[in-house]
Amino acid sequence: KRTTARMYYRLMCRLVGRDIPFDAADF
């Protein structure tokens, strides 16, 4: 889960074109 979470946030930063806080979910 930790590994896939890192991959998800790195991918989202590239696609969204904006820095997204790593390890920040819905809290």
PDB file of all heavy atoms in Angstrom:
ATOM      1  N   LYS A   1       0.822  -1.205   0.000  1.00  0.00           N
ATOM      2  CA  LYS A   1       0.000   0.000   0.000  1.00  0.00           C
ATOM      3  C   LYS A   1       0.856   1.256   0.000  1.00  0.00           C
ATOM      4  O   LYS A   1       0.539   2.237  -0.673  1.00  0.00           O
ATOM      5  CB  LYS A   1      -0.936  -0.004   1.217  1.00  0.00           C
ATOM      6  CG  LYS A   1      -1.987   1.097   1.171  1.00  0.00           C
ATOM      7  CD  LYS A   1      -3.047   0.905   2.227  1.00  0.00           C
ATOM      8  CE  LYS A   1      -4.139   1.959   2.093  1.00  0.00           C
ATOM      9  NZ  LYS A   1      -5.207   1.780   3.111  1.00  0.00           N
ATOM     10  N   ARG A   2       1.961   1.242   0.736  1.00  0.00           N
ATOM     11  CA  ARG A   2       2.850   2.407   0.734  1.00  0.00           C
ATOM     12  C   ARG A   2       3.459   2.626  -0.645  1.00  0.00           C
ATOM     13  O   ARG A   2       3.554   3.761  -1.119  1.00  0.00           O
ATOM     14  CB  ARG A   2       3.962   2.215   1.784  1.00  0.00           C
ATOM     15  CG  ARG A   2       3.487   2.253   3.219  1.00  0.00           C
ATOM     16  CD  ARG A   2       4.658   2.449   4.170  1.00  0.00           C
ATOM     17  NE  ARG A   2       5.640   1.384   4.054  1.00  0.00           N
ATOM     18  CZ  ARG A   2       5.610   0.259   4.767  1.00  0.00           C
ATOM     19  NH1 ARG A   2       4.637   0.063   5.650  1.00  0.00           N
ATOM     20  NH2 ARG A   2       6.548  -0.668   4.621  1.00  0.00           N
ATOM     21  N   THR A   3       3.858   1.539  -1.289  1.00  0.00           N
ATOM     22  CA  THR A   3       4.492   1.648  -2.605  1.00  0.00           C
ATOM     23  C   THR A   3       3.514   2.159  -3.647  1.00  0.00           C
ATOM     24  O   THR A   3       3.827   3.068  -4.428  1.00  0.00           O
ATOM     25  CB  THR A   3       5.052   0.285  -3.035  1.00  0.00           C
ATOM     26  OG1 THR A   3       5.988  -0.178  -2.055  1.00  0.00           O
ATOM     27  CG2 THR A   3       5.752   0.395  -4.380  1.00  0.00           C
ATOM     28  N   THR A   4       2.317   1.583  -3.676  1.00  0.00           N
ATOM     29  CA  THR A   4       1.331   2.026  -4.658  1.00  0.00           C
ATOM     30  C   THR A   4       0.882   3.461  -4.394  1.00  0.00           C
ATOM     31  O   THR A   4       0.583   4.204  -5.330  1.00  0.00           O
ATOM     32  CB  THR A   4       0.113   1.086  -4.655  1.00  0.00           C
ATOM     33  OG1 THR A   4      -0.405   0.972  -3.315  1.00  0.00           O
ATOM     34  CG2 THR A   4       0.488  -0.293  -5.166  1.00  0.00           C
ATOM     35  N   ALA A   5       0.860   3.865  -3.121  1.00  0.00           N
ATOM     36  CA  ALA A   5       0.486   5.244  -2.799  1.00  0.00           C
ATOM     37  C   ALA A   5       1.514   6.224  -3.355  1.00  0.00           C
ATOM     38  O   ALA A   5       1.161   7.269  -3.926  1.00  0.00           O
ATOM     39  CB  ALA A   5       0.346   5.425  -1.292  1.00  0.00           C
ATOM     40  N   ARG A   6       2.807   5.901  -3.195  1.00  0.00           N
ATOM     41  CA  ARG A   6       3.851   6.778  -3.758  1.00  0.00           C
ATOM     42  C   ARG A   6       3.737   6.869  -5.268  1.00  0.00           C
ATOM     43  O   ARG A   6       3.875   7.951  -5.850  1.00  0.00           O
ATOM     44  CB  ARG A   6       5.229   6.266  -3.345  1.00  0.00           C
ATOM     45  CG  ARG A   6       5.602   6.551  -1.895  1.00  0.00           C
ATOM     46  CD  ARG A   6       7.082   6.347  -1.661  1.00  0.00           C
ATOM     47  NE  ARG A   6       7.470   4.956  -1.869  1.00  0.00           N
ATOM     48  CZ  ARG A   6       7.498   4.036  -0.902  1.00  0.00           C
ATOM     49  NH1 ARG A   6       7.146   4.372   0.339  1.00  0.00           N
ATOM     50  NH2 ARG A   6       7.864   2.797  -1.152  1.00  0.00           N
ATOM     51  N   MET A   7       3.489   5.732  -5.914  1.00  0.00           N
ATOM     52  CA  MET A   7       3.341   5.732  -7.366  1.00  0.00           C
ATOM     53  C   MET A   7       2.138   6.575  -7.784  1.00  0.00           C
ATOM     54  O   MET A   7       2.202   7.345  -8.753  1.00  0.00           O
ATOM     55  CB  MET A   7       3.181   4.290  -7.873  1.00  0.00           C
ATOM     56  CG  MET A   7       4.417   3.436  -7.701  1.00  0.00           C
ATOM     57  SD  MET A   7       4.106   1.685  -8.071  1.00  0.00           S
ATOM     58  CE  MET A   7       3.534   1.793  -9.769  1.00  0.00           C
ATOM     59  N   TYR A   8       1.053   6.466  -7.039  1.00  0.00           N
ATOM     60  CA  TYR A   8      -0.160   7.227  -7.356  1.00  0.00           C
ATOM     61  C   TYR A   8       0.106   8.726  -7.283  1.00  0.00           C
ATOM     62  O   TYR A   8      -0.238   9.475  -8.202  1.00  0.00           O
ATOM     63  CB  TYR A   8      -1.272   6.826  -6.380  1.00  0.00           C
ATOM     64  CG  TYR A   8      -2.506   7.699  -6.448  1.00  0.00           C
ATOM     65  CD1 TYR A   8      -3.488   7.462  -7.401  1.00  0.00           C
ATOM     66  CD2 TYR A   8      -2.692   8.755  -5.555  1.00  0.00           C
ATOM     67  CE1 TYR A   8      -4.623   8.255  -7.463  1.00  0.00           C
ATOM     68  CE2 TYR A   8      -3.819   9.549  -5.617  1.00  0.00           C
ATOM     69  CZ  TYR A   8      -4.779   9.291  -6.573  1.00  0.00           C
ATOM     70  OH  TYR A   8      -5.893  10.086  -6.628  1.00  0.00           O
ATOM     71  N   TYR A   9       0.717   9.192  -6.196  1.00  0.00           N
ATOM     72  CA  TYR A   9       0.915  10.628  -6.025  1.00  0.00           C
ATOM     73  C   TYR A   9       1.921  11.186  -7.036  1.00  0.00           C
ATOM     74  O   TYR A   9       1.763  12.311  -7.515  1.00  0.00           O
ATOM     75  CB  TYR A   9       1.357  10.936  -4.588  1.00  0.00           C
ATOM     76  CG  TYR A   9       0.215  10.860  -3.607  1.00  0.00           C
ATOM     77  CD1 TYR A   9       0.144   9.843  -2.664  1.00  0.00           C
ATOM     78  CD2 TYR A   9      -0.809  11.795  -3.641  1.00  0.00           C
ATOM     79  CE1 TYR A   9      -0.913   9.764  -1.764  1.00  0.00           C
ATOM     80  CE2 TYR A   9      -1.871  11.724  -2.746  1.00  0.00           C
ATOM     81  CZ  TYR A   9      -1.926  10.712  -1.823  1.00  0.00           C
ATOM     82  OH  TYR A   9      -2.969  10.632  -0.940  1.00  0.00           O
ATOM     83  N   ARG A  10       2.954  10.409  -7.376  1.00  0.00           N
ATOM     84  CA  ARG A  10       3.897  10.871  -8.402  1.00  0.00           C
ATOM     85  C   ARG A  10       3.201  11.005  -9.745  1.00  0.00           C
ATOM     86  O   ARG A  10       3.410  11.985 -10.485  1.00  0.00           O
ATOM     87  CB  ARG A  10       5.078   9.904  -8.494  1.00  0.00           C
ATOM     88  CG  ARG A  10       6.037   9.975  -7.312  1.00  0.00           C
ATOM     89  CD  ARG A  10       7.345   9.254  -7.629  1.00  0.00           C
ATOM     90  NE  ARG A  10       8.269   9.334  -6.508  1.00  0.00           N
ATOM     91  CZ  ARG A  10       8.451   8.375  -5.612  1.00  0.00           C
ATOM     92  NH1 ARG A  10       7.732   7.264  -5.702  1.00  0.00           N
ATOM     93  NH2 ARG A  10       9.309   8.521  -4.626  1.00  0.00           N
ATOM     94  N   LEU A  11       2.377  10.022 -10.079  1.00  0.00           N
ATOM     95  CA  LEU A  11       1.647  10.078 -11.347  1.00  0.00           C
ATOM     96  C   LEU A  11       0.679  11.244 -11.373  1.00  0.00           C
ATOM     97  O   LEU A  11       0.579  11.972 -12.372  1.00  0.00           O
ATOM     98  CB  LEU A  11       0.893   8.753 -11.565  1.00  0.00           C
ATOM     99  CG  LEU A  11      -0.003   8.679 -12.809  1.00  0.00           C
ATOM    100  CD1 LEU A  11       0.829   8.846 -14.076  1.00  0.00           C
ATOM    101  CD2 LEU A  11      -0.778   7.366 -12.835  1.00  0.00           C
ATOM    102  N   MET A  12      -0.029  11.468 -10.264  1.00  0.00           N
ATOM    103  CA  MET A  12      -1.000  12.557 -10.234  1.00  0.00           C
ATOM    104  C   MET A  12      -0.322  13.925 -10.350  1.00  0.00           C
ATOM    105  O   MET A  12      -0.853  14.837 -10.990  1.00  0.00           O
ATOM    106  CB  MET A  12      -1.825  12.499  -8.946  1.00  0.00           C
ATOM    107  CG  MET A  12      -2.772  11.319  -8.868  1.00  0.00           C
ATOM    108  SD  MET A  12      -3.906  11.194 -10.278  1.00  0.00           S
ATOM    109  CE  MET A  12      -3.184   9.819 -11.183  1.00  0.00           C
ATOM    110  N   CYS A  13       0.846  14.079  -9.759  1.00  0.00           N
ATOM    111  CA  CYS A  13       1.573  15.348  -9.881  1.00  0.00           C
ATOM    112  C   CYS A  13       1.908  15.635 -11.334  1.00  0.00           C
ATOM    113  O   CYS A  13       1.824  16.781 -11.798  1.00  0.00           O
ATOM    114  CB  CYS A  13       2.857  15.311  -9.048  1.00  0.00           C
ATOM    115  SG  CYS A  13       2.589  15.480  -7.263  1.00  0.00           S
ATOM    116  N   ARG A  14       2.279  14.601 -12.077  1.00  0.00           N
ATOM    117  CA  ARG A  14       2.602  14.791 -13.488  1.00  0.00           C
ATOM    118  C   ARG A  14       1.366  15.105 -14.317  1.00  0.00           C
ATOM    119  O   ARG A  14       1.388  15.978 -15.194  1.00  0.00           O
ATOM    120  CB  ARG A  14       3.277  13.535 -14.045  1.00  0.00           C
ATOM    121  CG  ARG A  14       4.730  13.381 -13.605  1.00  0.00           C
ATOM    122  CD  ARG A  14       5.364  12.186 -14.296  1.00  0.00           C
ATOM    123  NE  ARG A  14       6.795  12.137 -14.046  1.00  0.00           N
ATOM    124  CZ  ARG A  14       7.709  12.759 -14.768  1.00  0.00           C
ATOM    125  NH1 ARG A  14       7.328  13.514 -15.791  1.00  0.00           N
ATOM    126  NH2 ARG A  14       8.986  12.654 -14.487  1.00  0.00           N
ATOM    127  N   LEU A  15       0.267  14.413 -14.034  1.00  0.00           N
ATOM    128  CA  LEU A  15      -0.935  14.583 -14.849  1.00  0.00           C
ATOM    129  C   LEU A  15      -1.660  15.886 -14.544  1.00  0.00           C
ATOM    130  O   LEU A  15      -2.146  16.570 -15.452  1.00  0.00           O
ATOM    131  CB  LEU A  15      -1.884  13.396 -14.641  1.00  0.00           C
ATOM    132  CG  LEU A  15      -1.379  12.034 -15.127  1.00  0.00           C
ATOM    133  CD1 LEU A  15      -2.442  10.979 -14.900  1.00  0.00           C
ATOM    134  CD2 LEU A  15      -0.995  12.081 -16.591  1.00  0.00           C
ATOM    135  N   VAL A  16      -1.755  16.238 -13.266  1.00  0.00           N
ATOM    136  CA  VAL A  16      -2.482  17.437 -12.879  1.00  0.00           C
ATOM    137  C   VAL A  16      -1.658  18.685 -13.167  1.00  0.00           C
ATOM    138  O   VAL A  16      -2.203  19.768 -13.373  1.00  0.00           O
ATOM    139  CB  VAL A  16      -2.891  17.365 -11.392  1.00  0.00           C
ATOM    140  CG1 VAL A  16      -3.592  18.627 -10.936  1.00  0.00           C
ATOM    141  CG2 VAL A  16      -3.804  16.159 -11.178  1.00  0.00           C
ATOM    142  N   GLY A  17      -0.330  18.522 -13.199  1.00  0.00           N
ATOM    143  CA  GLY A  17       0.524  19.670 -13.466  1.00  0.00           C
ATOM    144  C   GLY A  17       0.649  20.603 -12.293  1.00  0.00           C
ATOM    145  O   GLY A  17       0.915  21.798 -12.445  1.00  0.00           O
ATOM    146  N   ARG A  18       0.445  20.087 -11.102  1.00  0.00           N
ATOM    147  CA  ARG A  18       0.545  20.903  -9.889  1.00  0.00           C
ATOM    148  C   ARG A  18       1.017  20.006  -8.759  1.00  0.00           C
ATOM    149  O   ARG A  18       0.706  18.818  -8.730  1.00  0.00           O
ATOM    150  CB  ARG A  18      -0.816  21.521  -9.554  1.00  0.00           C
ATOM    151  CG  ARG A  18      -0.807  22.431  -8.325  1.00  0.00           C
ATOM    152  CD  ARG A  18      -2.184  22.989  -8.097  1.00  0.00           C
ATOM    153  NE  ARG A  18      -2.601  23.862  -9.167  1.00  0.00           N
ATOM    154  CZ  ARG A  18      -2.286  25.151  -9.249  1.00  0.00           C
ATOM    155  NH1 ARG A  18      -1.533  25.695  -8.314  1.00  0.00           N
ATOM    156  NH2 ARG A  18      -2.715  25.890 -10.242  1.00  0.00           N
ATOM    157  N   ASP A  19       1.781  20.594  -7.849  1.00  0.00           N
ATOM    158  CA  ASP A  19       2.259  19.813  -6.714  1.00  0.00           C
ATOM    159  C   ASP A  19       1.088  19.372  -5.848  1.00  0.00           C
ATOM    160  O   ASP A  19       0.255  20.192  -5.444  1.00  0.00           O
ATOM    161  CB  ASP A  19       3.246  20.615  -5.881  1.00  0.00           C
ATOM    162  CG  ASP A  19       4.578  20.788  -6.597  1.00  0.00           C
ATOM    163  OD1 ASP A  19       4.865  19.967  -7.477  1.00  0.00           O
ATOM    164  OD2 ASP A  19       5.301  21.748  -6.272  1.00  0.00           O
ATOM    165  N   ILE A  20       1.013  18.089  -5.578  1.00  0.00           N
ATOM    166  CA  ILE A  20      -0.007  17.525  -4.700  1.00  0.00           C
ATOM    167  C   ILE A  20       0.712  16.997  -3.465  1.00  0.00           C
ATOM    168  O   ILE A  20       1.703  16.270  -3.584  1.00  0.00           O
ATOM    169  CB  ILE A  20      -0.768  16.389  -5.403  1.00  0.00           C
ATOM    170  CG1 ILE A  20      -1.494  16.936  -6.622  1.00  0.00           C
ATOM    171  CG2 ILE A  20      -1.745  15.714  -4.458  1.00  0.00           C
ATOM    172  CD1 ILE A  20      -2.123  15.869  -7.461  1.00  0.00           C
ATOM    173  N   PRO A  21       0.258  17.356  -2.271  1.00  0.00           N
ATOM    174  CA  PRO A  21       0.939  16.875  -1.062  1.00  0.00           C
ATOM    175  C   PRO A  21       0.962  15.348  -1.004  1.00  0.00           C
ATOM    176  O   PRO A  21      -0.076  14.701  -1.085  1.00  0.00           O
ATOM    177  CB  PRO A  21       0.094  17.462   0.074  1.00  0.00           C
ATOM    178  CG  PRO A  21      -0.638  18.605  -0.539  1.00  0.00           C
ATOM    179  CD  PRO A  21      -0.873  18.231  -1.964  1.00  0.00           C
ATOM    180  N   PHE A  22       2.179  14.786  -0.930  1.00  0.00           N
ATOM    181  CA  PHE A  22       2.306  13.343  -0.803  1.00  0.00           C
ATOM    182  C   PHE A  22       1.736  12.904   0.555  1.00  0.00           C
ATOM    183  O   PHE A  22       1.867  13.595   1.555  1.00  0.00           O
ATOM    184  CB  PHE A  22       3.771  12.933  -0.899  1.00  0.00           C
ATOM    185  CG  PHE A  22       4.229  12.694  -2.315  1.00  0.00           C
ATOM    186  CD1 PHE A  22       3.986  13.643  -3.299  1.00  0.00           C
ATOM    187  CD2 PHE A  22       4.882  11.531  -2.666  1.00  0.00           C
ATOM    188  CE1 PHE A  22       4.403  13.435  -4.597  1.00  0.00           C
ATOM    189  CE2 PHE A  22       5.300  11.310  -3.972  1.00  0.00           C
ATOM    190  CZ  PHE A  22       5.061  12.272  -4.941  1.00  0.00           C
ATOM    191  N   ASP A  23       1.090  11.754   0.560  1.00  0.00           N
ATOM    192  CA  ASP A  23       0.545  11.161   1.782  1.00  0.00           C
ATOM    193  C   ASP A  23      -0.533  12.037   2.417  1.00  0.00           C
ATOM    194  O   ASP A  23      -0.739  12.015   3.634  1.00  0.00           O
ATOM    195  CB  ASP A  23       1.653  10.876   2.795  1.00  0.00           C
ATOM    196  CG  ASP A  23       2.620   9.813   2.302  1.00  0.00           C
ATOM    197  OD1 ASP A  23       2.158   8.902   1.592  1.00  0.00           O
ATOM    198  OD2 ASP A  23       3.815   9.904   2.608  1.00  0.00           O
ATOM    199  N   ALA A  24      -1.222  12.832   1.591  1.00  0.00           N
ATOM    200  CA  ALA A  24      -2.379  13.600   2.069  1.00  0.00           C
ATOM    201  C   ALA A  24      -3.610  13.042   1.375  1.00  0.00           C
ATOM    202  O   ALA A  24      -3.753  13.167   0.153  1.00  0.00           O
ATOM    203  CB  ALA A  24      -2.203  15.091   1.746  1.00  0.00           C
ATOM    204  N   ALA A  25      -4.475  12.415   2.117  1.00  0.00           N
ATOM    205  CA  ALA A  25      -5.665  11.802   1.524  1.00  0.00           C
ATOM    206  C   ALA A  25      -6.860  12.741   1.691  1.00  0.00           C
ATOM    207  O   ALA A  25      -6.866  13.844   1.166  1.00  0.00           O
ATOM    208  CB  ALA A  25      -5.923  10.440   2.149  1.00  0.00           C
ATOM    209  N   ASP A  26      -7.853  12.334   2.470  1.00  0.00           N
ATOM    210  CA  ASP A  26      -9.071  13.140   2.594  1.00  0.00           C
ATOM    211  C   ASP A  26      -9.244  13.717   3.993  1.00  0.00           C
ATOM    212  O   ASP A  26     -10.356  14.069   4.391  1.00  0.00           O
ATOM    213  CB  ASP A  26     -10.302  12.305   2.220  1.00  0.00           C
ATOM    214  CG  ASP A  26     -10.346  12.015   0.727  1.00  0.00           C
ATOM    215  OD1 ASP A  26     -10.218  12.976  -0.052  1.00  0.00           O
ATOM    216  OD2 ASP A  26     -10.486  10.844   0.343  1.00  0.00           O
ATOM    217  N   PHE A  27      -8.161  13.806   4.749  1.00  0.00           N
ATOM    218  CA  PHE A  27      -8.188  14.477   6.037  1.00  0.00           C
ATOM    219  C   PHE A  27      -7.620  15.877   5.841  1.00  0.00           C
ATOM    220  O   PHE A  27      -6.410  16.058   5.687  1.00  0.00           O
ATOM    221  CB  PHE A  27      -7.365  13.688   7.057  1.00  0.00           C
ATOM    222  CG  PHE A  27      -7.374  14.265   8.450  1.00  0.00           C
ATOM    223  CD1 PHE A  27      -8.491  14.931   8.942  1.00  0.00           C
ATOM    224  CD2 PHE A  27      -6.277  14.124   9.278  1.00  0.00           C
ATOM    225  CE1 PHE A  27      -8.510  15.463  10.223  1.00  0.00           C
ATOM    226  CE2 PHE A  27      -6.272  14.638  10.565  1.00  0.00           C
ATOM    227  CZ  PHE A  27      -7.397  15.310  11.028  1.00  0.00           C
TER     228      PHE A  27
END
